Amino acid sequence: MNYQDLIDRIDNKLYPTEELQLEAVKWYSGFICDIHNPSEKVQLEAVKQNIDAIKVIHKPSEKVQLIAVNENGDALRYTHDPTEKVQLAAVKKDSYAIQFIHNPSKNLLKELKKHFLSKKIKEHC
């Protein structure tokens, strides 16, 4: 299948199968924008191809969010209603990601404190 065939099939929704969607995002992760309600498998492939795909995925799964924030903590800004697990992973990757957490839970703050204290101790040893 060539590039134009792929675009035509997505634009015309002739073959809205998961297989075609996977082929599309492997070719170009930006095609995720053209897929209505992509499966987690398609979301994962898009984010693996290009971390920026997280910006355009509506309600990415927790697994997709974790992959994104583990690659780049700043990706937290593009998640909607991230779980505490995703928030923690993001801040562990990039402490500046905390600015994207509104009303962090006490548990999250406790975990972050432990993480950064242990990190600081390791740096001094």
PDB file of N, CA and C in Angstrom:
ATOM      1  N   MET A   1       0.854  -1.171   0.000  1.00  0.00           N
ATOM      2  CA  MET A   1       0.000   0.000   0.000  1.00  0.00           C
ATOM      3  C   MET A   1       0.900   1.235   0.000  1.00  0.00           C
ATOM      4  N   ASN A   2       0.575   2.197  -0.855  1.00  0.00           N
ATOM      5  CA  ASN A   2       1.387   3.412  -0.872  1.00  0.00           C
ATOM      6  C   ASN A   2       0.767   4.480   0.019  1.00  0.00           C
ATOM      7  N   TYR A   3       1.492   5.549   0.175  1.00  0.00           N
ATOM      8  CA  TYR A   3       1.108   6.633   1.078  1.00  0.00           C
ATOM      9  C   TYR A   3      -0.263   7.206   0.722  1.00  0.00           C
ATOM     10  N   GLN A   4      -0.517   7.484  -0.564  1.00  0.00           N
ATOM     11  CA  GLN A   4      -1.786   8.084  -0.973  1.00  0.00           C
ATOM     12  C   GLN A   4      -2.960   7.139  -0.711  1.00  0.00           C
ATOM     13  N   ASP A   5      -2.761   5.841  -0.942  1.00  0.00           N
ATOM     14  CA  ASP A   5      -3.822   4.867  -0.644  1.00  0.00           C
ATOM     15  C   ASP A   5      -4.182   4.905   0.835  1.00  0.00           C
ATOM     16  N   LEU A   6      -3.150   5.002   1.659  1.00  0.00           N
ATOM     17  CA  LEU A   6      -3.360   5.033   3.100  1.00  0.00           C
ATOM     18  C   LEU A   6      -4.170   6.263   3.497  1.00  0.00           C
ATOM     19  N   ILE A   7      -3.799   7.411   2.964  1.00  0.00           N
ATOM     20  CA  ILE A   7      -4.529   8.654   3.268  1.00  0.00           C
ATOM     21  C   ILE A   7      -5.976   8.541   2.798  1.00  0.00           C
ATOM     22  N   ASP A   8      -6.175   8.040   1.582  1.00  0.00           N
ATOM     23  CA  ASP A   8      -7.533   7.906   1.049  1.00  0.00           C
ATOM     24  C   ASP A   8      -8.376   6.994   1.917  1.00  0.00           C
ATOM     25  N   ARG A   9      -7.824   5.905   2.359  1.00  0.00           N
ATOM     26  CA  ARG A   9      -8.578   4.960   3.179  1.00  0.00           C
ATOM     27  C   ARG A   9      -8.947   5.559   4.527  1.00  0.00           C
ATOM     28  N   ILE A  10      -8.031   6.326   5.103  1.00  0.00           N
ATOM     29  CA  ILE A  10      -8.332   6.953   6.392  1.00  0.00           C
ATOM     30  C   ILE A  10      -9.345   8.078   6.198  1.00  0.00           C
ATOM     31  N   ASP A  11      -9.094   8.948   5.206  1.00  0.00           N
ATOM     32  CA  ASP A  11     -10.007  10.067   4.967  1.00  0.00           C
ATOM     33  C   ASP A  11     -11.419   9.596   4.650  1.00  0.00           C
ATOM     34  N   ASN A  12     -11.521   8.549   3.870  1.00  0.00           N
ATOM     35  CA  ASN A  12     -12.831   8.053   3.454  1.00  0.00           C
ATOM     36  C   ASN A  12     -13.403   7.028   4.411  1.00  0.00           C
ATOM     37  N   LYS A  13     -12.625   6.674   5.412  1.00  0.00           N
ATOM     38  CA  LYS A  13     -13.053   5.684   6.402  1.00  0.00           C
ATOM     39  C   LYS A  13     -13.534   4.390   5.739  1.00  0.00           C
ATOM     40  N   LEU A  14     -12.852   4.028   4.631  1.00  0.00           N
ATOM     41  CA  LEU A  14     -13.223   2.811   3.916  1.00  0.00           C
ATOM     42  C   LEU A  14     -12.870   1.563   4.706  1.00  0.00           C
ATOM     43  N   TYR A  15     -11.761   1.620   5.408  1.00  0.00           N
ATOM     44  CA  TYR A  15     -11.288   0.463   6.163  1.00  0.00           C
ATOM     45  C   TYR A  15     -10.921   0.887   7.582  1.00  0.00           C
ATOM     46  N   PRO A  16     -11.901   1.167   8.385  1.00  0.00           N
ATOM     47  CA  PRO A  16     -11.594   1.648   9.743  1.00  0.00           C
ATOM     48  C   PRO A  16     -11.228   0.513  10.711  1.00  0.00           C
ATOM     49  N   THR A  17     -10.390  -0.393  10.261  1.00  0.00           N
ATOM     50  CA  THR A  17      -9.997  -1.510  11.118  1.00  0.00           C
ATOM     51  C   THR A  17      -8.788  -1.130  11.953  1.00  0.00           C
ATOM     52  N   GLU A  18      -8.623  -1.832  13.041  1.00  0.00           N
ATOM     53  CA  GLU A  18      -7.462  -1.599  13.891  1.00  0.00           C
ATOM     54  C   GLU A  18      -6.172  -1.859  13.110  1.00  0.00           C
ATOM     55  N   GLU A  19      -6.180  -2.853  12.251  1.00  0.00           N
ATOM     56  CA  GLU A  19      -4.998  -3.177  11.449  1.00  0.00           C
ATOM     57  C   GLU A  19      -4.599  -2.001  10.563  1.00  0.00           C
ATOM     58  N   LEU A  20      -5.559  -1.394   9.907  1.00  0.00           N
ATOM     59  CA  LEU A  20      -5.274  -0.244   9.057  1.00  0.00           C
ATOM     60  C   LEU A  20      -4.811   0.944   9.901  1.00  0.00           C
ATOM     61  N   GLN A  21      -5.448   1.124  11.050  1.00  0.00           N
ATOM     62  CA  GLN A  21      -5.057   2.220  11.933  1.00  0.00           C
ATOM     63  C   GLN A  21      -3.616   2.049  12.404  1.00  0.00           C
ATOM     64  N   LEU A  22      -3.236   0.827  12.748  1.00  0.00           N
ATOM     65  CA  LEU A  22      -1.856   0.558  13.164  1.00  0.00           C
ATOM     66  C   LEU A  22      -0.884   0.843  12.033  1.00  0.00           C
ATOM     67  N   GLU A  23      -1.248   0.411  10.841  1.00  0.00           N
ATOM     68  CA  GLU A  23      -0.395   0.660   9.682  1.00  0.00           C
ATOM     69  C   GLU A  23      -0.227   2.162   9.457  1.00  0.00           C
ATOM     70  N   ALA A  24      -1.313   2.890   9.632  1.00  0.00           N
ATOM     71  CA  ALA A  24      -1.287   4.339   9.431  1.00  0.00           C
ATOM     72  C   ALA A  24      -0.366   5.034  10.431  1.00  0.00           C
ATOM     73  N   VAL A  25      -0.514   4.723  11.718  1.00  0.00           N
ATOM     74  CA  VAL A  25       0.315   5.422  12.713  1.00  0.00           C
ATOM     75  C   VAL A  25       1.768   4.955  12.680  1.00  0.00           C
ATOM     76  N   LYS A  26       2.009   3.745  12.175  1.00  0.00           N
ATOM     77  CA  LYS A  26       3.400   3.324  11.986  1.00  0.00           C
ATOM     78  C   LYS A  26       4.030   4.136  10.868  1.00  0.00           C
ATOM     79  N   TRP A  27       3.236   4.431   9.856  1.00  0.00           N
ATOM     80  CA  TRP A  27       3.714   5.221   8.717  1.00  0.00           C
ATOM     81  C   TRP A  27       3.963   6.659   9.152  1.00  0.00           C
ATOM     82  N   TYR A  28       2.985   7.206   9.881  1.00  0.00           N
ATOM     83  CA  TYR A  28       3.066   8.591  10.352  1.00  0.00           C
ATOM     84  C   TYR A  28       2.206   8.728  11.601  1.00  0.00           C
ATOM     85  N   SER A  29       2.837   8.959  12.721  1.00  0.00           N
ATOM     86  CA  SER A  29       2.109   8.995  13.996  1.00  0.00           C
ATOM     87  C   SER A  29       1.019  10.065  14.023  1.00  0.00           C
ATOM     88  N   GLY A  30       1.162  11.095  13.216  1.00  0.00           N
ATOM     89  CA  GLY A  30       0.168  12.166  13.167  1.00  0.00           C
ATOM     90  C   GLY A  30      -1.200  11.721  12.676  1.00  0.00           C
ATOM     91  N   PHE A  31      -1.256  10.557  12.026  1.00  0.00           N
ATOM     92  CA  PHE A  31      -2.546  10.033  11.580  1.00  0.00           C
ATOM     93  C   PHE A  31      -3.470   9.713  12.744  1.00  0.00           C
ATOM     94  N   ILE A  32      -2.924   9.651  13.936  1.00  0.00           N
ATOM     95  CA  ILE A  32      -3.748   9.382  15.118  1.00  0.00           C
ATOM     96  C   ILE A  32      -4.868  10.429  15.223  1.00  0.00           C
ATOM     97  N   CYS A  33      -4.615  11.633  14.705  1.00  0.00           N
ATOM     98  CA  CYS A  33      -5.632  12.704  14.716  1.00  0.00           C
ATOM     99  C   CYS A  33      -6.870  12.320  13.912  1.00  0.00           C
ATOM    100  N   ASP A  34      -6.683  11.490  12.886  1.00  0.00           N
ATOM    101  CA  ASP A  34      -7.773  11.136  11.980  1.00  0.00           C
ATOM    102  C   ASP A  34      -8.534   9.891  12.423  1.00  0.00           C
ATOM    103  N   ILE A  35      -8.137   9.317  13.530  1.00  0.00           N
ATOM    104  CA  ILE A  35      -8.762   8.076  13.981  1.00  0.00           C
ATOM    105  C   ILE A  35      -9.672   8.388  15.156  1.00  0.00           C
ATOM    106  N   HIS A  36     -10.936   8.141  14.959  1.00  0.00           N
ATOM    107  CA  HIS A  36     -11.914   8.385  16.019  1.00  0.00           C
ATOM    108  C   HIS A  36     -11.856   7.243  17.026  1.00  0.00           C
ATOM    109  N   ASN A  37     -11.620   7.585  18.281  1.00  0.00           N
ATOM    110  CA  ASN A  37     -11.596   6.617  19.371  1.00  0.00           C
ATOM    111  C   ASN A  37     -10.629   5.446  19.105  1.00  0.00           C
ATOM    112  N   PRO A  38      -9.337   5.747  18.943  1.00  0.00           N
ATOM    113  CA  PRO A  38      -8.369   4.674  18.675  1.00  0.00           C
ATOM    114  C   PRO A  38      -8.232   3.720  19.863  1.00  0.00           C
ATOM    115  N   SER A  39      -7.991   2.469  19.558  1.00  0.00           N
ATOM    116  CA  SER A  39      -7.787   1.476  20.614  1.00  0.00           C
ATOM    117  C   SER A  39      -6.491   1.785  21.360  1.00  0.00           C
ATOM    118  N   GLU A  40      -6.333   1.160  22.515  1.00  0.00           N
ATOM    119  CA  GLU A  40      -5.104   1.352  23.285  1.00  0.00           C
ATOM    120  C   GLU A  40      -3.892   0.906  22.464  1.00  0.00           C
ATOM    121  N   LYS A  41      -4.037  -0.156  21.711  1.00  0.00           N
ATOM    122  CA  LYS A  41      -2.939  -0.666  20.884  1.00  0.00           C
ATOM    123  C   LYS A  41      -2.500   0.388  19.853  1.00  0.00           C
ATOM    124  N   VAL A  42      -3.462   1.057  19.242  1.00  0.00           N
ATOM    125  CA  VAL A  42      -3.154   2.099  18.252  1.00  0.00           C
ATOM    126  C   VAL A  42      -2.539   3.314  18.956  1.00  0.00           C
ATOM    127  N   GLN A  43      -3.077   3.675  20.116  1.00  0.00           N
ATOM    128  CA  GLN A  43      -2.517   4.792  20.881  1.00  0.00           C
ATOM    129  C   GLN A  43      -1.056   4.515  21.246  1.00  0.00           C
ATOM    130  N   LEU A  44      -0.792   3.301  21.721  1.00  0.00           N
ATOM    131  CA  LEU A  44       0.574   2.924  22.110  1.00  0.00           C
ATOM    132  C   LEU A  44       1.531   3.022  20.936  1.00  0.00           C
ATOM    133  N   GLU A  45       1.102   2.529  19.800  1.00  0.00           N
ATOM    134  CA  GLU A  45       1.959   2.564  18.610  1.00  0.00           C
ATOM    135  C   GLU A  45       2.267   4.004  18.211  1.00  0.00           C
ATOM    136  N   ALA A  46       1.264   4.857  18.240  1.00  0.00           N
ATOM    137  CA  ALA A  46       1.468   6.260  17.868  1.00  0.00           C
ATOM    138  C   ALA A  46       2.471   6.933  18.805  1.00  0.00           C
ATOM    139  N   VAL A  47       2.316   6.705  20.112  1.00  0.00           N
ATOM    140  CA  VAL A  47       3.199   7.333  21.096  1.00  0.00           C
ATOM    141  C   VAL A  47       4.613   6.752  21.009  1.00  0.00           C
ATOM    142  N   LYS A  48       4.716   5.455  20.701  1.00  0.00           N
ATOM    143  CA  LYS A  48       6.046   4.852  20.527  1.00  0.00           C
ATOM    144  C   LYS A  48       6.750   5.441  19.309  1.00  0.00           C
ATOM    145  N   GLN A  49       5.988   5.726  18.266  1.00  0.00           N
ATOM    146  CA  GLN A  49       6.564   6.314  17.056  1.00  0.00           C
ATOM    147  C   GLN A  49       7.003   7.762  17.295  1.00  0.00           C
ATOM    148  N   ASN A  50       6.176   8.481  18.062  1.00  0.00           N
ATOM    149  CA  ASN A  50       6.471   9.891  18.325  1.00  0.00           C
ATOM    150  C   ASN A  50       5.768  10.290  19.616  1.00  0.00           C
ATOM    151  N   ILE A  51       6.538  10.628  20.606  1.00  0.00           N
ATOM    152  CA  ILE A  51       6.000  10.969  21.920  1.00  0.00           C
ATOM    153  C   ILE A  51       4.979  12.109  21.844  1.00  0.00           C
ATOM    154  N   ASP A  52       5.128  12.991  20.874  1.00  0.00           N
ATOM    155  CA  ASP A  52       4.207  14.120  20.743  1.00  0.00           C
ATOM    156  C   ASP A  52       2.792  13.710  20.357  1.00  0.00           C
ATOM    157  N   ALA A  53       2.609  12.473  19.935  1.00  0.00           N
ATOM    158  CA  ALA A  53       1.267  11.999  19.594  1.00  0.00           C
ATOM    159  C   ALA A  53       0.343  12.077  20.804  1.00  0.00           C
ATOM    160  N   ILE A  54       0.898  12.052  21.997  1.00  0.00           N
ATOM    161  CA  ILE A  54       0.082  12.142  23.217  1.00  0.00           C
ATOM    162  C   ILE A  54      -0.729  13.439  23.232  1.00  0.00           C
ATOM    163  N   LYS A  55      -0.235  14.460  22.552  1.00  0.00           N
ATOM    164  CA  LYS A  55      -0.898  15.771  22.540  1.00  0.00           C
ATOM    165  C   LYS A  55      -2.276  15.727  21.891  1.00  0.00           C
ATOM    166  N   VAL A  56      -2.478  14.792  20.981  1.00  0.00           N
ATOM    167  CA  VAL A  56      -3.727  14.792  20.214  1.00  0.00           C
ATOM    168  C   VAL A  56      -4.619  13.585  20.484  1.00  0.00           C
ATOM    169  N   ILE A  57      -4.212  12.736  21.416  1.00  0.00           N
ATOM    170  CA  ILE A  57      -5.040  11.578  21.746  1.00  0.00           C
ATOM    171  C   ILE A  57      -6.040  11.991  22.823  1.00  0.00           C
ATOM    172  N   HIS A  58      -7.308  11.874  22.497  1.00  0.00           N
ATOM    173  CA  HIS A  58      -8.356  12.232  23.442  1.00  0.00           C
ATOM    174  C   HIS A  58      -8.496  11.097  24.455  1.00  0.00           C
ATOM    175  N   LYS A  59      -8.305  11.409  25.703  1.00  0.00           N
ATOM    176  CA  LYS A  59      -8.386  10.438  26.800  1.00  0.00           C
ATOM    177  C   LYS A  59      -7.487   9.214  26.589  1.00  0.00           C
ATOM    178  N   PRO A  60      -6.166   9.434  26.527  1.00  0.00           N
ATOM    179  CA  PRO A  60      -5.261   8.288  26.395  1.00  0.00           C
ATOM    180  C   PRO A  60      -5.354   7.374  27.619  1.00  0.00           C
ATOM    181  N   SER A  61      -5.135   6.101  27.397  1.00  0.00           N
ATOM    182  CA  SER A  61      -5.190   5.146  28.507  1.00  0.00           C
ATOM    183  C   SER A  61      -4.044   5.414  29.481  1.00  0.00           C
ATOM    184  N   GLU A  62      -4.162   4.852  30.674  1.00  0.00           N
ATOM    185  CA  GLU A  62      -3.107   5.031  31.676  1.00  0.00           C
ATOM    186  C   GLU A  62      -1.778   4.478  31.154  1.00  0.00           C
ATOM    187  N   LYS A  63      -1.832   3.351  30.477  1.00  0.00           N
ATOM    188  CA  LYS A  63      -0.617   2.739  29.942  1.00  0.00           C
ATOM    189  C   LYS A  63       0.067   3.669  28.931  1.00  0.00           C
ATOM    190  N   VAL A  64      -0.723   4.294  28.086  1.00  0.00           N
ATOM    191  CA  VAL A  64      -0.193   5.235  27.087  1.00  0.00           C
ATOM    192  C   VAL A  64       0.403   6.451  27.796  1.00  0.00           C
ATOM    193  N   GLN A  65      -0.294   6.946  28.798  1.00  0.00           N
ATOM    194  CA  GLN A  65       0.205   8.094  29.556  1.00  0.00           C
ATOM    195  C   GLN A  65       1.531   7.759  30.240  1.00  0.00           C
ATOM    196  N   LEU A  66       1.625   6.558  30.809  1.00  0.00           N
ATOM    197  CA  LEU A  66       2.861   6.152  31.490  1.00  0.00           C
ATOM    198  C   LEU A  66       4.031   6.077  30.516  1.00  0.00           C
ATOM    199  N   ILE A  67       3.802   5.550  29.339  1.00  0.00           N
ATOM    200  CA  ILE A  67       4.871   5.492  28.345  1.00  0.00           C
ATOM    201  C   ILE A  67       5.326   6.900  27.997  1.00  0.00           C
ATOM    202  N   ALA A  68       4.368   7.785  27.818  1.00  0.00           N
ATOM    203  CA  ALA A  68       4.700   9.163  27.455  1.00  0.00           C
ATOM    204  C   ALA A  68       5.492   9.874  28.551  1.00  0.00           C
ATOM    205  N   VAL A  69       5.003   9.810  29.787  1.00  0.00           N
ATOM    206  CA  VAL A  69       5.681  10.547  30.863  1.00  0.00           C
ATOM    207  C   VAL A  69       7.004   9.895  31.264  1.00  0.00           C
ATOM    208  N   ASN A  70       7.129   8.590  31.061  1.00  0.00           N
ATOM    209  CA  ASN A  70       8.418   7.945  31.343  1.00  0.00           C
ATOM    210  C   ASN A  70       9.471   8.333  30.310  1.00  0.00           C
ATOM    211  N   GLU A  71       9.018   8.719  29.152  1.00  0.00           N
ATOM    212  CA  GLU A  71       9.926   9.212  28.103  1.00  0.00           C
ATOM    213  C   GLU A  71      10.250  10.689  28.342  1.00  0.00           C
ATOM    214  N   ASN A  72       9.214  11.442  28.736  1.00  0.00           N
ATOM    215  CA  ASN A  72       9.360  12.880  28.926  1.00  0.00           C
ATOM    216  C   ASN A  72       8.314  13.326  29.954  1.00  0.00           C
ATOM    217  N   GLY A  73       8.762  13.685  31.131  1.00  0.00           N
ATOM    218  CA  GLY A  73       7.856  14.096  32.203  1.00  0.00           C
ATOM    219  C   GLY A  73       6.946  15.242  31.813  1.00  0.00           C
ATOM    220  N   ASP A  74       7.405  16.088  30.915  1.00  0.00           N
ATOM    221  CA  ASP A  74       6.627  17.229  30.454  1.00  0.00           C
ATOM    222  C   ASP A  74       5.353  16.792  29.714  1.00  0.00           C
ATOM    223  N   ALA A  75       5.317  15.552  29.264  1.00  0.00           N
ATOM    224  CA  ALA A  75       4.132  15.048  28.568  1.00  0.00           C
ATOM    225  C   ALA A  75       2.905  15.047  29.476  1.00  0.00           C
ATOM    226  N   LEU A  76       3.122  15.177  30.766  1.00  0.00           N
ATOM    227  CA  LEU A  76       2.006  15.217  31.709  1.00  0.00           C
ATOM    228  C   LEU A  76       1.033  16.335  31.358  1.00  0.00           C
ATOM    229  N   ARG A  77       1.539  17.413  30.827  1.00  0.00           N
ATOM    230  CA  ARG A  77       0.673  18.548  30.488  1.00  0.00           C
ATOM    231  C   ARG A  77      -0.379  18.188  29.451  1.00  0.00           C
ATOM    232  N   TYR A  78      -0.153  17.133  28.687  1.00  0.00           N
ATOM    233  CA  TYR A  78      -1.081  16.748  27.626  1.00  0.00           C
ATOM    234  C   TYR A  78      -2.014  15.612  28.022  1.00  0.00           C
ATOM    235  N   THR A  79      -1.953  15.212  29.269  1.00  0.00           N
ATOM    236  CA  THR A  79      -2.852  14.158  29.732  1.00  0.00           C
ATOM    237  C   THR A  79      -4.051  14.804  30.403  1.00  0.00           C
ATOM    238  N   HIS A  80      -5.164  14.118  30.359  1.00  0.00           N
ATOM    239  CA  HIS A  80      -6.373  14.628  30.996  1.00  0.00           C
ATOM    240  C   HIS A  80      -6.693  13.736  32.177  1.00  0.00           C
ATOM    241  N   ASP A  81      -6.783  14.344  33.320  1.00  0.00           N
ATOM    242  CA  ASP A  81      -7.130  13.616  34.535  1.00  0.00           C
ATOM    243  C   ASP A  81      -6.198  12.418  34.778  1.00  0.00           C
ATOM    244  N   PRO A  82      -4.868  12.689  34.830  1.00  0.00           N
ATOM    245  CA  PRO A  82      -3.922  11.579  35.023  1.00  0.00           C
ATOM    246  C   PRO A  82      -4.066  10.946  36.406  1.00  0.00           C
ATOM    247  N   THR A  83      -3.823   9.665  36.460  1.00  0.00           N
ATOM    248  CA  THR A  83      -3.869   8.963  37.744  1.00  0.00           C
ATOM    249  C   THR A  83      -2.666   9.380  38.576  1.00  0.00           C
ATOM    250  N   GLU A  84      -2.728   9.055  39.850  1.00  0.00           N
ATOM    251  CA  GLU A  84      -1.615   9.359  40.742  1.00  0.00           C
ATOM    252  C   GLU A  84      -0.334   8.652  40.275  1.00  0.00           C
ATOM    253  N   LYS A  85      -0.482   7.456  39.752  1.00  0.00           N
ATOM    254  CA  LYS A  85       0.653   6.687  39.239  1.00  0.00           C
ATOM    255  C   LYS A  85       1.332   7.429  38.082  1.00  0.00           C
ATOM    256  N   VAL A  86       0.539   7.998  37.195  1.00  0.00           N
ATOM    257  CA  VAL A  86       1.069   8.755  36.057  1.00  0.00           C
ATOM    258  C   VAL A  86       1.733  10.033  36.555  1.00  0.00           C
ATOM    259  N   GLN A  87       1.097  10.703  37.495  1.00  0.00           N
ATOM    260  CA  GLN A  87       1.657  11.936  38.054  1.00  0.00           C
ATOM    261  C   GLN A  87       3.022  11.675  38.691  1.00  0.00           C
ATOM    262  N   LEU A  88       3.094  10.625  39.479  1.00  0.00           N
ATOM    263  CA  LEU A  88       4.339  10.282  40.162  1.00  0.00           C
ATOM    264  C   LEU A  88       5.439   9.955  39.156  1.00  0.00           C
ATOM    265  N   ALA A  89       5.117   9.174  38.150  1.00  0.00           N
ATOM    266  CA  ALA A  89       6.102   8.814  37.122  1.00  0.00           C
ATOM    267  C   ALA A  89       6.619  10.063  36.403  1.00  0.00           C
ATOM    268  N   ALA A  90       5.722  10.987  36.113  1.00  0.00           N
ATOM    269  CA  ALA A  90       6.111  12.212  35.410  1.00  0.00           C
ATOM    270  C   ALA A  90       7.082  13.047  36.238  1.00  0.00           C
ATOM    271  N   VAL A  91       6.757  13.222  37.507  1.00  0.00           N
ATOM    272  CA  VAL A  91       7.597  14.065  38.365  1.00  0.00           C
ATOM    273  C   VAL A  91       8.932  13.384  38.667  1.00  0.00           C
ATOM    274  N   LYS A  92       8.928  12.065  38.744  1.00  0.00           N
ATOM    275  CA  LYS A  92      10.199  11.352  38.928  1.00  0.00           C
ATOM    276  C   LYS A  92      11.101  11.537  37.710  1.00  0.00           C
ATOM    277  N   LYS A  93      10.491  11.616  36.548  1.00  0.00           N
ATOM    278  CA  LYS A  93      11.258  11.813  35.317  1.00  0.00           C
ATOM    279  C   LYS A  93      11.732  13.255  35.191  1.00  0.00           C
ATOM    280  N   ASP A  94      10.849  14.181  35.553  1.00  0.00           N
ATOM    281  CA  ASP A  94      11.156  15.610  35.415  1.00  0.00           C
ATOM    282  C   ASP A  94      10.439  16.360  36.537  1.00  0.00           C
ATOM    283  N   SER A  95      11.199  16.826  37.506  1.00  0.00           N
ATOM    284  CA  SER A  95      10.585  17.465  38.684  1.00  0.00           C
ATOM    285  C   SER A  95       9.734  18.681  38.315  1.00  0.00           C
ATOM    286  N   TYR A  96      10.014  19.304  37.194  1.00  0.00           N
ATOM    287  CA  TYR A  96       9.220  20.468  36.786  1.00  0.00           C
ATOM    288  C   TYR A  96       7.803  20.083  36.363  1.00  0.00           C
ATOM    289  N   ALA A  97       7.563  18.816  36.138  1.00  0.00           N
ATOM    290  CA  ALA A  97       6.220  18.354  35.748  1.00  0.00           C
ATOM    291  C   ALA A  97       5.209  18.573  36.863  1.00  0.00           C
ATOM    292  N   ILE A  98       5.676  18.814  38.069  1.00  0.00           N
ATOM    293  CA  ILE A  98       4.747  19.033  39.185  1.00  0.00           C
ATOM    294  C   ILE A  98       3.844  20.240  38.927  1.00  0.00           C
ATOM    295  N   GLN A  99       4.301  21.152  38.110  1.00  0.00           N
ATOM    296  CA  GLN A  99       3.484  22.333  37.808  1.00  0.00           C
ATOM    297  C   GLN A  99       2.190  21.979  37.064  1.00  0.00           C
ATOM    298  N   PHE A 100       2.123  20.785  36.501  1.00  0.00           N
ATOM    299  CA  PHE A 100       0.935  20.365  35.767  1.00  0.00           C
ATOM    300  C   PHE A 100      -0.023  19.533  36.616  1.00  0.00           C
ATOM    301  N   ILE A 101       0.306  19.407  37.901  1.00  0.00           N
ATOM    302  CA  ILE A 101      -0.554  18.645  38.811  1.00  0.00           C
ATOM    303  C   ILE A 101      -1.351  19.624  39.658  1.00  0.00           C
ATOM    304  N   HIS A 102      -2.636  19.600  39.484  1.00  0.00           N
ATOM    305  CA  HIS A 102      -3.506  20.476  40.247  1.00  0.00           C
ATOM    306  C   HIS A 102      -4.011  19.700  41.460  1.00  0.00           C
ATOM    307  N   ASN A 103      -3.855  20.268  42.615  1.00  0.00           N
ATOM    308  CA  ASN A 103      -4.290  19.632  43.866  1.00  0.00           C
ATOM    309  C   ASN A 103      -3.696  18.231  44.059  1.00  0.00           C
ATOM    310  N   PRO A 104      -2.369  18.144  44.174  1.00  0.00           N
ATOM    311  CA  PRO A 104      -1.755  16.824  44.386  1.00  0.00           C
ATOM    312  C   PRO A 104      -2.229  16.212  45.706  1.00  0.00           C
ATOM    313  N   SER A 105      -2.415  14.917  45.691  1.00  0.00           N
ATOM    314  CA  SER A 105      -2.876  14.228  46.899  1.00  0.00           C
ATOM    315  C   SER A 105      -1.754  14.194  47.943  1.00  0.00           C
ATOM    316  N   LYS A 106      -2.136  13.959  49.181  1.00  0.00           N
ATOM    317  CA  LYS A 106      -1.139  13.845  50.252  1.00  0.00           C
ATOM    318  C   LYS A 106      -0.221  12.665  49.989  1.00  0.00           C
ATOM    319  N   ASN A 107      -0.784  11.592  49.478  1.00  0.00           N
ATOM    320  CA  ASN A 107       0.011  10.411  49.175  1.00  0.00           C
ATOM    321  C   ASN A 107       1.050  10.710  48.090  1.00  0.00           C
ATOM    322  N   LEU A 108       0.645  11.438  47.074  1.00  0.00           N
ATOM    323  CA  LEU A 108       1.577  11.808  46.000  1.00  0.00           C
ATOM    324  C   LEU A 108       2.718  12.656  46.555  1.00  0.00           C
ATOM    325  N   LEU A 109       2.381  13.634  47.376  1.00  0.00           N
ATOM    326  CA  LEU A 109       3.410  14.497  47.960  1.00  0.00           C
ATOM    327  C   LEU A 109       4.362  13.692  48.849  1.00  0.00           C
ATOM    328  N   LYS A 110       3.820  12.748  49.587  1.00  0.00           N
ATOM    329  CA  LYS A 110       4.639  11.888  50.450  1.00  0.00           C
ATOM    330  C   LYS A 110       5.603  11.052  49.608  1.00  0.00           C
ATOM    331  N   GLU A 111       5.095  10.473  48.528  1.00  0.00           N
ATOM    332  CA  GLU A 111       5.932   9.658  47.642  1.00  0.00           C
ATOM    333  C   GLU A 111       7.015  10.498  46.972  1.00  0.00           C
ATOM    334  N   LEU A 112       6.666  11.690  46.561  1.00  0.00           N
ATOM    335  CA  LEU A 112       7.642  12.585  45.928  1.00  0.00           C
ATOM    336  C   LEU A 112       8.736  12.989  46.915  1.00  0.00           C
ATOM    337  N   LYS A 113       8.329  13.258  48.143  1.00  0.00           N
ATOM    338  CA  LYS A 113       9.298  13.625  49.184  1.00  0.00           C
ATOM    339  C   LYS A 113      10.292  12.480  49.383  1.00  0.00           C
ATOM    340  N   LYS A 114       9.792  11.244  49.489  1.00  0.00           N
ATOM    341  CA  LYS A 114      10.671  10.079  49.647  1.00  0.00           C
ATOM    342  C   LYS A 114      11.609   9.945  48.450  1.00  0.00           C
ATOM    343  N   HIS A 115      11.048  10.112  47.266  1.00  0.00           N
ATOM    344  CA  HIS A 115      11.843   9.960  46.044  1.00  0.00           C
ATOM    345  C   HIS A 115      12.990  10.981  45.999  1.00  0.00           C
ATOM    346  N   PHE A 116      12.660  12.233  46.249  1.00  0.00           N
ATOM    347  CA  PHE A 116      13.685  13.268  46.136  1.00  0.00           C
ATOM    348  C   PHE A 116      14.682  13.237  47.288  1.00  0.00           C
ATOM    349  N   LEU A 117      14.251  12.806  48.466  1.00  0.00           N
ATOM    350  CA  LEU A 117      15.191  12.645  49.575  1.00  0.00           C
ATOM    351  C   LEU A 117      16.186  11.524  49.280  1.00  0.00           C
ATOM    352  N   SER A 118      15.693  10.405  48.766  1.00  0.00           N
ATOM    353  CA  SER A 118      16.592   9.291  48.453  1.00  0.00           C
ATOM    354  C   SER A 118      17.530   9.664  47.306  1.00  0.00           C
ATOM    355  N   LYS A 119      17.039  10.442  46.370  1.00  0.00           N
ATOM    356  CA  LYS A 119      17.863  10.908  45.239  1.00  0.00           C
ATOM    357  C   LYS A 119      18.977  11.830  45.746  1.00  0.00           C
ATOM    358  N   LYS A 120      18.632  12.705  46.673  1.00  0.00           N
ATOM    359  CA  LYS A 120      19.597  13.641  47.230  1.00  0.00           C
ATOM    360  C   LYS A 120      20.668  12.897  48.043  1.00  0.00           C
ATOM    361  N   ILE A 121      20.258  11.908  48.807  1.00  0.00           N
ATOM    362  CA  ILE A 121      21.206  11.102  49.595  1.00  0.00           C
ATOM    363  C   ILE A 121      22.179  10.381  48.669  1.00  0.00           C
ATOM    364  N   LYS A 122      21.667   9.815  47.594  1.00  0.00           N
ATOM    365  CA  LYS A 122      22.516   9.092  46.638  1.00  0.00           C
ATOM    366  C   LYS A 122      23.541  10.032  45.989  1.00  0.00           C
ATOM    367  N   GLU A 123      23.158  11.267  45.748  1.00  0.00           N
ATOM    368  CA  GLU A 123      24.048  12.241  45.113  1.00  0.00           C
ATOM    369  C   GLU A 123      25.206  12.601  46.047  1.00  0.00           C
ATOM    370  N   HIS A 124      24.973  12.579  47.337  1.00  0.00           N
ATOM    371  CA  HIS A 124      26.006  12.951  48.304  1.00  0.00           C
ATOM    372  C   HIS A 124      26.946  11.792  48.642  1.00  0.00           C
ATOM    373  N   CYS A 125      26.590  10.582  48.280  1.00  0.00           N
ATOM    374  CA  CYS A 125      27.423   9.423  48.617  1.00  0.00           C
ATOM    375  C   CYS A 125      28.479   9.166  47.569  1.00  0.00           C
TER     376      CYS A 125
END
